[in-house]
Amino acid sequence: MATQVANSTTIANATALLGHADEGTTVRHYVKRTHVAPDLRVVIDQLVEQAATVVDTGRNRGN
């Protein structure tokens, strides 16, 4: 029920429905995650490094 309410409205509404004082409790224990993304930190770090290299190269050329 909490998952349906949270997905249809807000976490705050689900929290109130369950009588919790803290939204964290509702999220951690009563609202099912609909999607967990893969850990892409390594890929993101590589992209940031490549972008920084491109910017630095452009600066060295006087652009």
PDB file of N, CA and C in Angstrom:
ATOM      1  N   MET A   1       0.825  -1.181   0.000  1.00  0.00           N
ATOM      2  CA  MET A   1       0.000   0.000   0.000  1.00  0.00           C
ATOM      3  C   MET A   1       0.874   1.251   0.000  1.00  0.00           C
ATOM      4  N   ALA A   2       1.917   1.265   0.818  1.00  0.00           N
ATOM      5  CA  ALA A   2       2.787   2.437   0.890  1.00  0.00           C
ATOM      6  C   ALA A   2       3.457   2.709  -0.449  1.00  0.00           C
ATOM      7  N   THR A   3       3.854   1.669  -1.139  1.00  0.00           N
ATOM      8  CA  THR A   3       4.488   1.830  -2.450  1.00  0.00           C
ATOM      9  C   THR A   3       3.515   2.463  -3.439  1.00  0.00           C
ATOM     10  N   GLN A   4       2.289   1.988  -3.467  1.00  0.00           N
ATOM     11  CA  GLN A   4       1.282   2.541  -4.371  1.00  0.00           C
ATOM     12  C   GLN A   4       1.030   4.010  -4.080  1.00  0.00           C
ATOM     13  N   VAL A   5       0.867   4.350  -2.809  1.00  0.00           N
ATOM     14  CA  VAL A   5       0.605   5.743  -2.436  1.00  0.00           C
ATOM     15  C   VAL A   5       1.800   6.606  -2.800  1.00  0.00           C
ATOM     16  N   ALA A   6       3.006   6.156  -2.485  1.00  0.00           N
ATOM     17  CA  ALA A   6       4.219   6.938  -2.780  1.00  0.00           C
ATOM     18  C   ALA A   6       4.387   7.138  -4.278  1.00  0.00           C
ATOM     19  N   ASN A   7       4.139   6.113  -5.066  1.00  0.00           N
ATOM     20  CA  ASN A   7       4.293   6.225  -6.514  1.00  0.00           C
ATOM     21  C   ASN A   7       3.194   7.071  -7.151  1.00  0.00           C
ATOM     22  N   SER A   8       2.002   7.033  -6.585  1.00  0.00           N
ATOM     23  CA  SER A   8       0.882   7.782  -7.137  1.00  0.00           C
ATOM     24  C   SER A   8       0.845   9.226  -6.661  1.00  0.00           C
ATOM     25  N   THR A   9       1.353   9.467  -5.458  1.00  0.00           N
ATOM     26  CA  THR A   9       1.329  10.829  -4.911  1.00  0.00           C
ATOM     27  C   THR A   9       2.723  11.209  -4.450  1.00  0.00           C
ATOM     28  N   THR A  10       2.948  11.152  -3.147  1.00  0.00           N
ATOM     29  CA  THR A  10       4.264  11.524  -2.602  1.00  0.00           C
ATOM     30  C   THR A  10       4.646  10.598  -1.451  1.00  0.00           C
ATOM     31  N   ILE A  11       5.928  10.603  -1.137  1.00  0.00           N
ATOM     32  CA  ILE A  11       6.416   9.865   0.042  1.00  0.00           C
ATOM     33  C   ILE A  11       5.763  10.424   1.301  1.00  0.00           C
ATOM     34  N   ALA A  12       5.586  11.730   1.341  1.00  0.00           N
ATOM     35  CA  ALA A  12       4.966  12.359   2.514  1.00  0.00           C
ATOM     36  C   ALA A  12       3.575  11.785   2.770  1.00  0.00           C
ATOM     37  N   ASN A  13       2.808  11.558   1.705  1.00  0.00           N
ATOM     38  CA  ASN A  13       1.476  10.979   1.877  1.00  0.00           C
ATOM     39  C   ASN A  13       1.555   9.544   2.394  1.00  0.00           C
ATOM     40  N   ALA A  14       2.499   8.776   1.891  1.00  0.00           N
ATOM     41  CA  ALA A  14       2.669   7.402   2.372  1.00  0.00           C
ATOM     42  C   ALA A  14       3.098   7.402   3.830  1.00  0.00           C
ATOM     43  N   THR A  15       3.970   8.321   4.184  1.00  0.00           N
ATOM     44  CA  THR A  15       4.429   8.438   5.568  1.00  0.00           C
ATOM     45  C   THR A  15       3.264   8.757   6.494  1.00  0.00           C
ATOM     46  N   ALA A  16       2.429   9.706   6.077  1.00  0.00           N
ATOM     47  CA  ALA A  16       1.265  10.076   6.885  1.00  0.00           C
ATOM     48  C   ALA A  16       0.286   8.910   7.000  1.00  0.00           C
ATOM     49  N   LEU A  17       0.068   8.192   5.905  1.00  0.00           N
ATOM     50  CA  LEU A  17      -0.842   7.051   5.905  1.00  0.00           C
ATOM     51  C   LEU A  17      -0.411   6.015   6.940  1.00  0.00           C
ATOM     52  N   LEU A  18       0.898   5.771   7.009  1.00  0.00           N
ATOM     53  CA  LEU A  18       1.416   4.758   7.927  1.00  0.00           C
ATOM     54  C   LEU A  18       1.636   5.289   9.342  1.00  0.00           C
ATOM     55  N   GLY A  19       1.521   6.608   9.509  1.00  0.00           N
ATOM     56  CA  GLY A  19       1.686   7.193  10.840  1.00  0.00           C
ATOM     57  C   GLY A  19       3.131   7.323  11.279  1.00  0.00           C
ATOM     58  N   HIS A  20       4.049   7.342  10.333  1.00  0.00           N
ATOM     59  CA  HIS A  20       5.468   7.483  10.673  1.00  0.00           C
ATOM     60  C   HIS A  20       5.818   8.952  10.897  1.00  0.00           C
ATOM     61  N   ALA A  21       6.744   9.190  11.796  1.00  0.00           N
ATOM     62  CA  ALA A  21       7.221  10.550  12.042  1.00  0.00           C
ATOM     63  C   ALA A  21       8.304  10.930  11.042  1.00  0.00           C
ATOM     64  N   ASP A  22       8.979   9.937  10.476  1.00  0.00           N
ATOM     65  CA  ASP A  22      10.125  10.183   9.603  1.00  0.00           C
ATOM     66  C   ASP A  22       9.905   9.503   8.248  1.00  0.00           C
ATOM     67  N   GLU A  23      10.055  10.268   7.161  1.00  0.00           N
ATOM     68  CA  GLU A  23       9.919   9.698   5.818  1.00  0.00           C
ATOM     69  C   GLU A  23      10.954   8.620   5.555  1.00  0.00           C
ATOM     70  N   GLY A  24      12.119   8.733   6.182  1.00  0.00           N
ATOM     71  CA  GLY A  24      13.181   7.748   5.987  1.00  0.00           C
ATOM     72  C   GLY A  24      12.739   6.348   6.359  1.00  0.00           C
ATOM     73  N   THR A  25      11.985   6.232   7.437  1.00  0.00           N
ATOM     74  CA  THR A  25      11.476   4.922   7.860  1.00  0.00           C
ATOM     75  C   THR A  25      10.561   4.344   6.787  1.00  0.00           C
ATOM     76  N   THR A  26       9.701   5.181   6.257  1.00  0.00           N
ATOM     77  CA  THR A  26       8.772   4.733   5.220  1.00  0.00           C
ATOM     78  C   THR A  26       9.526   4.260   3.990  1.00  0.00           C
ATOM     79  N   VAL A  27      10.501   5.048   3.562  1.00  0.00           N
ATOM     80  CA  VAL A  27      11.259   4.710   2.356  1.00  0.00           C
ATOM     81  C   VAL A  27      12.083   3.444   2.554  1.00  0.00           C
ATOM     82  N   ARG A  28      12.762   3.349   3.691  1.00  0.00           N
ATOM     83  CA  ARG A  28      13.644   2.199   3.919  1.00  0.00           C
ATOM     84  C   ARG A  28      12.896   0.875   4.076  1.00  0.00           C
ATOM     85  N   HIS A  29      11.736   0.923   4.724  1.00  0.00           N
ATOM     86  CA  HIS A  29      11.109  -0.339   5.109  1.00  0.00           C
ATOM     87  C   HIS A  29       9.768  -0.635   4.437  1.00  0.00           C
ATOM     88  N   TYR A  30       9.134   0.363   3.841  1.00  0.00           N
ATOM     89  CA  TYR A  30       7.772   0.143   3.367  1.00  0.00           C
ATOM     90  C   TYR A  30       7.528   0.471   1.898  1.00  0.00           C
ATOM     91  N   VAL A  31       8.430   1.182   1.266  1.00  0.00           N
ATOM     92  CA  VAL A  31       8.237   1.530  -0.141  1.00  0.00           C
ATOM     93  C   VAL A  31       9.233   0.731  -0.970  1.00  0.00           C
ATOM     94  N   LYS A  32       8.703  -0.094  -1.868  1.00  0.00           N
ATOM     95  CA  LYS A  32       9.550  -0.931  -2.709  1.00  0.00           C
ATOM     96  C   LYS A  32      10.207  -0.070  -3.791  1.00  0.00           C
ATOM     97  N   ARG A  33      11.475  -0.280  -3.996  1.00  0.00           N
ATOM     98  CA  ARG A  33      12.171   0.399  -5.083  1.00  0.00           C
ATOM     99  C   ARG A  33      11.655  -0.149  -6.399  1.00  0.00           C
ATOM    100  N   THR A  34      11.359   0.763  -7.308  1.00  0.00           N
ATOM    101  CA  THR A  34      10.858   0.304  -8.601  1.00  0.00           C
ATOM    102  C   THR A  34      11.989   0.013  -9.577  1.00  0.00           C
ATOM    103  N   HIS A  35      13.149   0.617  -9.337  1.00  0.00           N
ATOM    104  CA  HIS A  35      14.279   0.401 -10.236  1.00  0.00           C
ATOM    105  C   HIS A  35      15.574   0.724  -9.500  1.00  0.00           C
ATOM    106  N   VAL A  36      16.518  -0.150  -9.616  1.00  0.00           N
ATOM    107  CA  VAL A  36      17.843   0.104  -9.062  1.00  0.00           C
ATOM    108  C   VAL A  36      18.807   0.141 -10.231  1.00  0.00           C
ATOM    109  N   ALA A  37      19.416   1.280 -10.433  1.00  0.00           N
ATOM    110  CA  ALA A  37      20.338   1.443 -11.554  1.00  0.00           C
ATOM    111  C   ALA A  37      21.679   0.786 -11.239  1.00  0.00           C
ATOM    112  N   PRO A  38      22.372   0.332 -12.255  1.00  0.00           N
ATOM    113  CA  PRO A  38      23.705  -0.233 -12.034  1.00  0.00           C
ATOM    114  C   PRO A  38      24.671   0.858 -11.576  1.00  0.00           C
ATOM    115  N   ASP A  39      25.723   0.454 -10.910  1.00  0.00           N
ATOM    116  CA  ASP A  39      26.729   1.385 -10.434  1.00  0.00           C
ATOM    117  C   ASP A  39      27.604   1.809 -11.609  1.00  0.00           C
ATOM    118  N   LEU A  40      27.439   3.028 -12.045  1.00  0.00           N
ATOM    119  CA  LEU A  40      28.166   3.536 -13.208  1.00  0.00           C
ATOM    120  C   LEU A  40      29.213   4.577 -12.832  1.00  0.00           C
ATOM    121  N   ARG A  41      29.621   4.597 -11.583  1.00  0.00           N
ATOM    122  CA  ARG A  41      30.594   5.604 -11.155  1.00  0.00           C
ATOM    123  C   ARG A  41      31.894   5.547 -11.940  1.00  0.00           C
ATOM    124  N   VAL A  42      32.383   4.354 -12.263  1.00  0.00           N
ATOM    125  CA  VAL A  42      33.636   4.225 -13.004  1.00  0.00           C
ATOM    126  C   VAL A  42      33.482   4.847 -14.394  1.00  0.00           C
ATOM    127  N   VAL A  43      32.383   4.573 -15.057  1.00  0.00           N
ATOM    128  CA  VAL A  43      32.146   5.117 -16.394  1.00  0.00           C
ATOM    129  C   VAL A  43      32.027   6.637 -16.328  1.00  0.00           C
ATOM    130  N   ILE A  44      31.295   7.133 -15.347  1.00  0.00           N
ATOM    131  CA  ILE A  44      31.132   8.585 -15.193  1.00  0.00           C
ATOM    132  C   ILE A  44      32.479   9.244 -14.914  1.00  0.00           C
ATOM    133  N   ASP A  45      33.284   8.645 -14.055  1.00  0.00           N
ATOM    134  CA  ASP A  45      34.619   9.188 -13.782  1.00  0.00           C
ATOM    135  C   ASP A  45      35.467   9.250 -15.049  1.00  0.00           C
ATOM    136  N   GLN A  46      35.370   8.216 -15.890  1.00  0.00           N
ATOM    137  CA  GLN A  46      36.121   8.213 -17.142  1.00  0.00           C
ATOM    138  C   GLN A  46      35.650   9.331 -18.069  1.00  0.00           C
ATOM    139  N   LEU A  47      34.358   9.546 -18.155  1.00  0.00           N
ATOM    140  CA  LEU A  47      33.825  10.617 -18.994  1.00  0.00           C
ATOM    141  C   LEU A  47      34.263  11.989 -18.497  1.00  0.00           C
ATOM    142  N   VAL A  48      34.251  12.174 -17.195  1.00  0.00           N
ATOM    143  CA  VAL A  48      34.700  13.445 -16.622  1.00  0.00           C
ATOM    144  C   VAL A  48      36.177  13.660 -16.928  1.00  0.00           C
ATOM    145  N   GLU A  49      36.973  12.616 -16.795  1.00  0.00           N
ATOM    146  CA  GLU A  49      38.408  12.708 -17.091  1.00  0.00           C
ATOM    147  C   GLU A  49      38.633  13.051 -18.565  1.00  0.00           C
ATOM    148  N   GLN A  50      37.895  12.412 -19.462  1.00  0.00           N
ATOM    149  CA  GLN A  50      38.023  12.703 -20.893  1.00  0.00           C
ATOM    150  C   GLN A  50      37.618  14.138 -21.201  1.00  0.00           C
ATOM    151  N   ALA A  51      36.546  14.600 -20.592  1.00  0.00           N
ATOM    152  CA  ALA A  51      36.087  15.970 -20.824  1.00  0.00           C
ATOM    153  C   ALA A  51      37.116  16.968 -20.315  1.00  0.00           C
ATOM    154  N   ALA A  52      37.717  16.693 -19.174  1.00  0.00           N
ATOM    155  CA  ALA A  52      38.739  17.581 -18.633  1.00  0.00           C
ATOM    156  C   ALA A  52      39.958  17.622 -19.541  1.00  0.00           C
ATOM    157  N   THR A  53      40.308  16.480 -20.121  1.00  0.00           N
ATOM    158  CA  THR A  53      41.443  16.421 -21.045  1.00  0.00           C
ATOM    159  C   THR A  53      41.164  17.254 -22.285  1.00  0.00           C
ATOM    160  N   VAL A  54      39.966  17.166 -22.813  1.00  0.00           N
ATOM    161  CA  VAL A  54      39.586  17.944 -23.993  1.00  0.00           C
ATOM    162  C   VAL A  54      39.647  19.431 -23.682  1.00  0.00           C
ATOM    163  N   VAL A  55      39.153  19.829 -22.527  1.00  0.00           N
ATOM    164  CA  VAL A  55      39.185  21.239 -22.131  1.00  0.00           C
ATOM    165  C   VAL A  55      40.622  21.708 -21.973  1.00  0.00           C
ATOM    166  N   ASP A  56      41.455  20.908 -21.302  1.00  0.00           N
ATOM    167  CA  ASP A  56      42.858  21.281 -21.110  1.00  0.00           C
ATOM    168  C   ASP A  56      43.593  21.378 -22.441  1.00  0.00           C
ATOM    169  N   THR A  57      43.323  20.463 -23.357  1.00  0.00           N
ATOM    170  CA  THR A  57      43.957  20.486 -24.677  1.00  0.00           C
ATOM    171  C   THR A  57      43.558  21.743 -25.418  1.00  0.00           C
ATOM    172  N   GLY A  58      42.317  22.133 -25.341  1.00  0.00           N
ATOM    173  CA  GLY A  58      41.843  23.342 -25.991  1.00  0.00           C
ATOM    174  C   GLY A  58      42.509  24.578 -25.430  1.00  0.00           C
ATOM    175  N   ARG A  59      42.759  24.605 -24.142  1.00  0.00           N
ATOM    176  CA  ARG A  59      43.415  25.746 -23.511  1.00  0.00           C
ATOM    177  C   ARG A  59      44.875  25.843 -23.965  1.00  0.00           C
ATOM    178  N   ASN A  60      45.515  24.692 -24.122  1.00  0.00           N
ATOM    179  CA  ASN A  60      46.926  24.689 -24.533  1.00  0.00           C
ATOM    180  C   ASN A  60      47.112  25.170 -25.963  1.00  0.00           C
ATOM    181  N   ARG A  61      46.072  25.045 -26.768  1.00  0.00           N
ATOM    182  CA  ARG A  61      46.149  25.460 -28.175  1.00  0.00           C
ATOM    183  C   ARG A  61      45.762  26.931 -28.353  1.00  0.00           C
ATOM    184  N   GLY A  62      45.375  27.573 -27.264  1.00  0.00           N
ATOM    185  CA  GLY A  62      44.992  28.970 -27.351  1.00  0.00           C
ATOM    186  C   GLY A  62      43.544  29.164 -27.731  1.00  0.00           C
ATOM    187  N   ASN A  63      42.719  28.116 -27.617  1.00  0.00           N
ATOM    188  CA  ASN A  63      41.288  28.219 -27.947  1.00  0.00           C
ATOM    189  C   ASN A  63      40.493  28.616 -26.736  1.00  0.00           C
TER     190      ASN A  63
END
